[in-house]
Amino acid sequence: MKSTQFLTLVILVLVLNSCKDNKIRTLKTLAISEPETEVLAPKTILSKEFNDYWYNGEAEITSYKLEQARYGEIRDGKAVLVFVTEDFLPKIQVKADNYSKKNTPILKLNATKNFNTGIYPYSIMQSTFYPVSNNKHAIKISASIQEWCGHVYTQLNNRAEFEIMSHSYFQSEADQSFKLEKNWTENELWVKLRVDPKSLPVGSIKIIPSLEFLRLRHQPAKAFNADASLKNDVYTLFYPELNRTLKINFNPNFPFDILGWEEITPSGFGASTKTLTTKATKLESIKSAYWSKNNNTDEGLRETLKLQ
């Protein structure tokens, strides 16, 4: 009798462990499923010039004088674009701690804005992780906005489809999670420009506006029709449905640095029908391993960038 009970117990333990292992494998599979292979264009062959500039252990940091439209008025502030190369894990879509041939080389853009609206400040940051192969959509895009009323966060992950996760303190925009068909994203084009401006899409396209714009204007995250053009050193996007124009001015010669931008939109405040223009004008640019410049004595670099 005891032998039968013991055998039954052993079988039960094995079954439970088997179920547990299957469950763990299922969860892991769901969490790190392989992104769908996509090829938008032939792979860009990176030049020695590109490698020497972007793979020298430093980031490119550029500051801008910002004139930001918000609540029907123009606000003075500062913007910063930080470009740096990284190794990215394509499955879980985060920066790799260690080098591996399986990692995806990306050019990352951290774009920040800081300005005041009356008594309270705004802080905006967008991050875009774009493969330097230049033949796929951005692997990941995120945006956060903080101000005294609260903060919002949106993240796009590029897997079989675009997976969107969004959080907000507004009731109508609270916690959301949904998927979108893949299209161009405005965020990725800023980085694509730095790899090869001639590869930017032109003509009639469908494109998801920047996550910053969508959150500030409480617009749905979806692709809109747009007209795109590239003339000399200006890349322009016009969204008819949104009555919005974005112009990015850049150096036509390598490293194709961004000299400034304009965003022309309806006021978006009250019943006003007037348009306002957000402008950013380049101040200074440096190359620096900024992650190691965290002592008080390094604050002089902020003076160099005219951020003080």
Protein backbone atom coordinates (compact mmCIF):
# COMPACT_ATOMS: atom_id res chain seq x y z
CA MET A 1 0.00 0.00 0.00
CA LYS A 2 2.79 2.37 0.96
CA SER A 3 4.63 1.50 -2.27
CA THR A 4 1.53 2.37 -4.34
CA GLN A 5 1.08 5.70 -2.52
CA PHE A 6 4.76 6.55 -3.06
CA LEU A 7 4.52 5.75 -6.78
CA THR A 8 1.38 7.89 -7.10
CA LEU A 9 3.15 10.81 -5.37
CA VAL A 10 6.16 10.54 -7.70
CA ILE A 11 3.91 10.59 -10.79
CA LEU A 12 2.00 13.63 -9.47
CA VAL A 13 5.23 15.55 -8.83
CA LEU A 14 6.49 14.76 -12.32
CA VAL A 15 3.22 15.93 -13.89
CA LEU A 16 3.22 19.18 -11.90
CA ASN A 17 6.84 19.90 -12.77
CA SER A 18 6.12 19.18 -16.42
CA CYS A 19 3.20 21.65 -16.42
CA LYS A 20 5.34 24.23 -14.65
CA ASP A 21 8.15 23.90 -17.21
CA ASN A 22 5.68 24.19 -20.11
CA LYS A 23 4.17 27.29 -18.58
CA ILE A 24 7.56 28.92 -18.13
CA ARG A 25 8.56 28.16 -21.72
CA THR A 26 5.27 29.59 -22.97
CA LEU A 27 5.72 32.82 -21.01
CA LYS A 28 9.28 33.22 -22.23
CA THR A 29 8.20 32.61 -25.81
CA LEU A 30 5.52 35.27 -25.56
CA ALA A 31 7.87 37.76 -23.94
CA ILE A 32 10.73 37.50 -26.41
CA SER A 33 9.14 36.34 -29.65
CA GLU A 34 11.27 36.97 -32.73
CA PRO A 35 10.37 40.13 -34.67
CA GLU A 36 9.16 39.57 -38.19
CA THR A 37 11.88 39.87 -40.80
CA GLU A 38 11.38 43.04 -42.82
CA VAL A 39 13.41 44.60 -45.57
CA LEU A 40 12.41 48.08 -46.74
CA ALA A 41 15.42 48.70 -48.96
CA PRO A 42 18.86 47.30 -49.76
CA LYS A 43 21.13 47.28 -46.73
CA THR A 44 23.22 50.45 -46.45
CA ILE A 45 26.94 49.76 -46.72
CA LEU A 46 28.55 51.78 -43.95
CA SER A 47 31.56 53.81 -45.05
CA LYS A 48 34.85 54.16 -43.19
CA GLU A 49 33.83 57.77 -42.60
CA PHE A 50 30.65 56.59 -40.89
CA ASN A 51 32.45 54.03 -38.74
CA ASP A 52 35.19 56.46 -37.74
CA TYR A 53 32.62 59.06 -36.66
CA TRP A 54 30.02 56.90 -34.94
CA TYR A 55 32.14 54.08 -33.53
CA ASN A 56 34.80 56.05 -31.67
CA GLY A 57 33.33 55.57 -28.19
CA GLU A 58 31.57 58.95 -28.07
CA ALA A 59 28.08 60.35 -28.55
CA GLU A 60 27.16 63.41 -30.57
CA ILE A 61 25.36 66.01 -28.43
CA THR A 62 23.75 69.05 -30.04
CA SER A 63 21.88 71.84 -28.26
CA TYR A 64 19.18 74.05 -29.77
CA LYS A 65 17.39 77.26 -28.93
CA LEU A 66 13.74 76.19 -28.71
CA GLU A 67 10.62 78.22 -29.45
CA GLN A 68 7.84 75.78 -28.53
CA ALA A 69 4.16 76.30 -29.31
CA ARG A 70 1.97 75.32 -26.35
CA TYR A 71 -1.46 76.50 -25.18
CA GLY A 72 -1.73 79.06 -27.97
CA GLU A 73 1.58 80.80 -27.23
CA ILE A 74 5.29 80.42 -28.01
CA ARG A 75 7.48 79.32 -25.09
CA ASP A 76 11.26 79.73 -24.91
CA GLY A 77 13.28 76.68 -23.98
CA LYS A 78 16.13 74.37 -24.92
CA ALA A 79 16.23 71.16 -26.94
CA VAL A 80 19.00 68.57 -27.12
CA LEU A 81 19.58 65.76 -29.63
CA VAL A 82 21.89 62.96 -28.47
CA PHE A 83 22.95 60.44 -31.12
CA VAL A 84 25.00 57.39 -30.15
CA THR A 85 25.58 53.87 -31.47
CA GLU A 86 24.67 50.87 -29.33
CA ASP A 87 24.25 47.12 -29.49
CA PHE A 88 20.57 46.19 -29.18
CA LEU A 89 18.94 42.89 -28.27
CA PRO A 90 16.38 42.24 -31.05
CA LYS A 91 14.16 39.95 -28.97
CA ILE A 92 13.60 41.76 -25.68
CA GLN A 93 14.45 45.08 -27.36
CA VAL A 94 16.77 46.72 -24.85
CA LYS A 95 20.42 47.77 -24.89
CA ALA A 96 22.75 44.77 -24.67
CA ASP A 97 25.06 44.54 -21.66
CA ASN A 98 27.63 42.60 -23.69
CA TYR A 99 28.67 42.38 -27.33
CA SER A 100 27.40 39.49 -29.42
CA LYS A 101 27.19 38.85 -33.16
CA LYS A 102 23.48 38.23 -32.60
CA ASN A 103 22.95 41.81 -31.40
CA THR A 104 21.53 44.46 -33.72
CA PRO A 105 23.78 47.52 -34.22
CA ILE A 106 21.62 50.62 -33.86
CA LEU A 107 21.95 54.38 -33.92
CA LYS A 108 19.99 55.75 -30.98
CA LEU A 109 18.45 59.20 -30.73
CA ASN A 110 17.49 60.65 -27.36
CA ALA A 111 15.65 63.91 -28.06
CA THR A 112 14.77 66.19 -25.14
CA LYS A 113 12.87 69.44 -24.74
CA ASN A 114 12.54 71.66 -21.68
CA PHE A 115 10.36 74.77 -21.48
CA ASN A 116 7.99 76.52 -19.08
CA THR A 117 4.29 77.24 -19.45
CA GLY A 118 3.66 80.03 -16.97
CA ILE A 119 4.42 78.76 -13.49
CA TYR A 120 5.05 75.13 -14.37
CA PRO A 121 7.71 73.33 -16.45
CA TYR A 122 7.47 70.78 -19.24
CA SER A 123 10.04 68.04 -19.81
CA ILE A 124 9.78 65.87 -22.93
CA MET A 125 11.99 62.98 -24.02
CA GLN A 126 11.75 60.67 -27.02
CA SER A 127 14.04 57.70 -27.69
CA THR A 128 14.39 55.99 -31.06
CA PHE A 129 16.44 52.84 -31.69
CA TYR A 130 17.13 52.49 -35.41
CA PRO A 131 19.18 49.73 -37.13
CA VAL A 132 22.25 51.13 -38.91
CA SER A 133 21.54 48.61 -41.68
CA ASN A 134 18.92 51.19 -42.70
CA ASN A 135 16.58 48.60 -44.23
CA LYS A 136 14.15 48.07 -41.37
CA HIS A 137 11.81 50.15 -39.25
CA ALA A 138 12.96 51.35 -35.84
CA ILE A 139 13.08 48.45 -33.41
CA LYS A 140 11.71 50.53 -30.56
CA ILE A 141 10.43 54.06 -29.91
CA SER A 142 9.39 55.60 -26.60
CA ALA A 143 8.24 58.98 -25.34
CA SER A 144 7.56 60.51 -21.95
CA ILE A 145 6.13 63.90 -21.01
CA GLN A 146 6.25 65.31 -17.49
CA GLU A 147 4.59 68.45 -16.17
CA TRP A 148 2.92 69.44 -12.92
CA CYS A 149 -0.48 68.03 -13.90
CA GLY A 150 1.03 64.55 -14.32
CA HIS A 151 2.98 62.49 -16.80
CA VAL A 152 2.36 60.23 -19.79
CA TYR A 153 4.39 57.45 -21.39
CA THR A 154 4.09 55.71 -24.77
CA GLN A 155 6.18 52.88 -26.20
CA LEU A 156 6.23 51.25 -29.63
CA ASN A 157 7.87 47.85 -30.11
CA ASN A 158 8.52 46.49 -33.60
CA ARG A 159 7.66 42.79 -33.65
CA ALA A 160 5.31 40.92 -36.01
CA GLU A 161 3.26 44.12 -35.85
CA PHE A 162 3.82 47.42 -34.11
CA GLU A 163 2.90 46.88 -30.46
CA ILE A 164 1.80 50.05 -28.66
CA MET A 165 1.67 50.50 -24.91
CA SER A 166 0.49 53.81 -23.49
CA HIS A 167 -0.09 55.21 -19.99
CA SER A 168 -1.60 58.56 -19.06
CA TYR A 169 -3.12 60.42 -16.13
CA PHE A 170 -6.03 61.45 -18.40
CA GLN A 171 -9.11 59.27 -17.95
CA SER A 172 -9.82 59.05 -21.68
CA GLU A 173 -6.24 57.94 -22.41
CA ALA A 174 -5.48 55.79 -19.36
CA ASP A 175 -3.75 52.40 -19.77
CA GLN A 176 -3.85 51.17 -23.37
CA SER A 177 -2.26 48.28 -25.25
CA PHE A 178 -2.91 47.56 -28.93
CA LYS A 179 -1.28 46.69 -32.25
CA LEU A 180 -0.84 48.61 -35.49
CA GLU A 181 0.05 47.65 -39.03
CA LYS A 182 3.64 48.58 -39.81
CA ASN A 183 4.18 51.92 -41.51
CA TRP A 184 6.78 54.64 -41.53
CA THR A 185 7.22 56.42 -38.21
CA GLU A 186 8.16 60.07 -37.98
CA ASN A 187 10.52 59.33 -35.09
CA GLU A 188 12.66 56.93 -37.12
CA LEU A 189 13.14 59.36 -40.02
CA TRP A 190 15.29 61.67 -37.86
CA VAL A 191 17.78 58.81 -37.43
CA LYS A 192 17.43 57.47 -40.98
CA LEU A 193 18.46 60.95 -42.14
CA ARG A 194 21.73 60.65 -40.21
CA VAL A 195 22.57 57.32 -41.87
CA ASP A 196 21.66 58.33 -45.44
CA PRO A 197 19.33 61.27 -46.20
CA LYS A 198 18.91 60.07 -49.77
CA SER A 199 17.09 57.00 -48.43
CA LEU A 200 14.30 59.07 -46.85
CA PRO A 201 10.82 58.26 -48.24
CA VAL A 202 9.33 60.84 -50.58
CA GLY A 203 5.95 61.27 -52.24
CA SER A 204 2.63 60.16 -50.79
CA ILE A 205 3.22 57.98 -47.75
CA LYS A 206 1.42 56.71 -44.68
CA ILE A 207 3.24 57.59 -41.49
CA ILE A 208 2.72 57.58 -37.73
CA PRO A 209 3.44 61.12 -36.40
CA SER A 210 5.94 61.59 -33.60
CA LEU A 211 4.85 60.18 -30.25
CA GLU A 212 5.43 63.63 -28.76
CA PHE A 213 2.94 65.22 -31.15
CA LEU A 214 0.33 62.51 -30.61
CA ARG A 215 0.47 62.90 -26.82
CA LEU A 216 0.54 66.71 -26.72
CA ARG A 217 -2.38 66.93 -29.16
CA HIS A 218 -4.28 63.91 -27.78
CA GLN A 219 -4.38 62.31 -31.23
CA PRO A 220 -4.86 58.55 -31.74
CA ALA A 221 -1.73 56.53 -32.41
CA LYS A 222 -2.23 55.55 -36.05
CA ALA A 223 -0.80 56.17 -39.50
CA PHE A 224 -1.89 59.34 -41.32
CA ASN A 225 -1.50 60.25 -44.98
CA ALA A 226 1.39 62.63 -45.61
CA ASP A 227 3.30 64.22 -48.47
CA ALA A 228 7.07 63.91 -48.09
CA SER A 229 9.72 65.83 -50.03
CA LEU A 230 13.49 66.16 -49.98
CA LYS A 231 14.89 69.32 -51.53
CA ASN A 232 18.56 70.12 -51.10
CA ASP A 233 19.05 70.24 -47.34
CA VAL A 234 15.42 70.29 -46.15
CA TYR A 235 13.18 67.29 -45.52
CA THR A 236 9.47 68.17 -45.32
CA LEU A 237 6.42 66.25 -44.13
CA PHE A 238 2.92 67.66 -44.63
CA TYR A 239 -0.07 65.95 -42.98
CA PRO A 240 -3.26 67.23 -44.72
CA GLU A 241 -5.66 65.75 -42.15
CA LEU A 242 -3.74 67.33 -39.27
CA ASN A 243 -2.88 70.54 -41.15
CA ARG A 244 0.65 70.04 -39.84
CA THR A 245 4.00 70.63 -41.54
CA LEU A 246 7.40 69.49 -40.26
CA LYS A 247 10.62 70.77 -41.84
CA ILE A 248 14.01 69.36 -40.83
CA ASN A 249 17.05 71.38 -41.92
CA PHE A 250 20.30 69.43 -42.13
CA ASN A 251 23.85 69.57 -43.41
CA PRO A 252 23.85 67.90 -46.86
CA ASN A 253 27.39 66.67 -46.23
CA PHE A 254 28.43 63.93 -43.82
CA PRO A 255 27.71 63.57 -40.91
CA PHE A 256 24.38 65.11 -42.04
CA ASP A 257 23.97 66.96 -38.73
CA ILE A 258 20.60 68.52 -37.99
CA LEU A 259 20.77 72.31 -38.05
CA GLY A 260 17.23 72.96 -36.84
CA TRP A 261 13.57 72.30 -37.53
CA GLU A 262 10.15 73.92 -37.82
CA GLU A 263 6.77 72.49 -36.97
CA ILE A 264 3.76 74.45 -38.19
CA THR A 265 0.45 73.43 -36.60
CA PRO A 266 -2.93 74.88 -35.70
CA SER A 267 -2.84 76.56 -32.31
CA GLY A 268 -4.77 73.66 -30.78
CA PHE A 269 -5.88 75.89 -27.92
CA GLY A 270 -9.51 76.85 -27.48
CA ALA A 271 -11.40 77.89 -30.60
CA SER A 272 -8.43 79.64 -32.19
CA THR A 273 -7.87 78.88 -35.89
CA LYS A 274 -4.45 80.52 -36.14
CA THR A 275 -1.30 78.51 -36.75
CA LEU A 276 1.83 78.59 -34.63
CA THR A 277 5.39 77.63 -35.53
CA THR A 278 7.66 75.71 -33.22
CA LYS A 279 11.32 76.39 -34.09
CA ALA A 280 14.65 74.92 -33.02
CA THR A 281 17.93 76.60 -33.98
CA LYS A 282 21.30 74.95 -33.46
CA LEU A 283 23.50 76.37 -30.70
CA GLU A 284 26.49 74.05 -30.22
CA SER A 285 27.57 70.48 -30.85
CA ILE A 286 30.20 68.30 -29.17
CA LYS A 287 31.36 64.68 -29.25
CA SER A 288 31.62 63.23 -25.75
CA ALA A 289 31.38 60.03 -23.72
CA TYR A 290 28.85 61.91 -21.61
CA TRP A 291 28.00 58.88 -19.44
CA SER A 292 31.40 59.28 -17.79
CA LYS A 293 31.09 63.06 -17.38
CA ASN A 294 29.08 63.03 -14.17
CA ASN A 295 31.29 65.00 -11.76
CA ASN A 296 30.65 68.58 -10.69
CA THR A 297 33.79 69.55 -12.60
CA ASP A 298 32.12 68.34 -15.81
CA GLU A 299 29.38 70.99 -15.64
CA GLY A 300 31.53 73.20 -17.82
CA LEU A 301 30.42 71.06 -20.76
CA ARG A 302 26.89 72.37 -20.21
CA GLU A 303 28.27 75.88 -20.59
CA THR A 304 29.95 74.79 -23.83
CA LEU A 305 26.56 73.57 -25.04
CA LYS A 306 24.94 76.83 -23.86
CA LEU A 307 22.56 74.89 -21.62
CA GLN A 308 23.33 76.88 -18.47
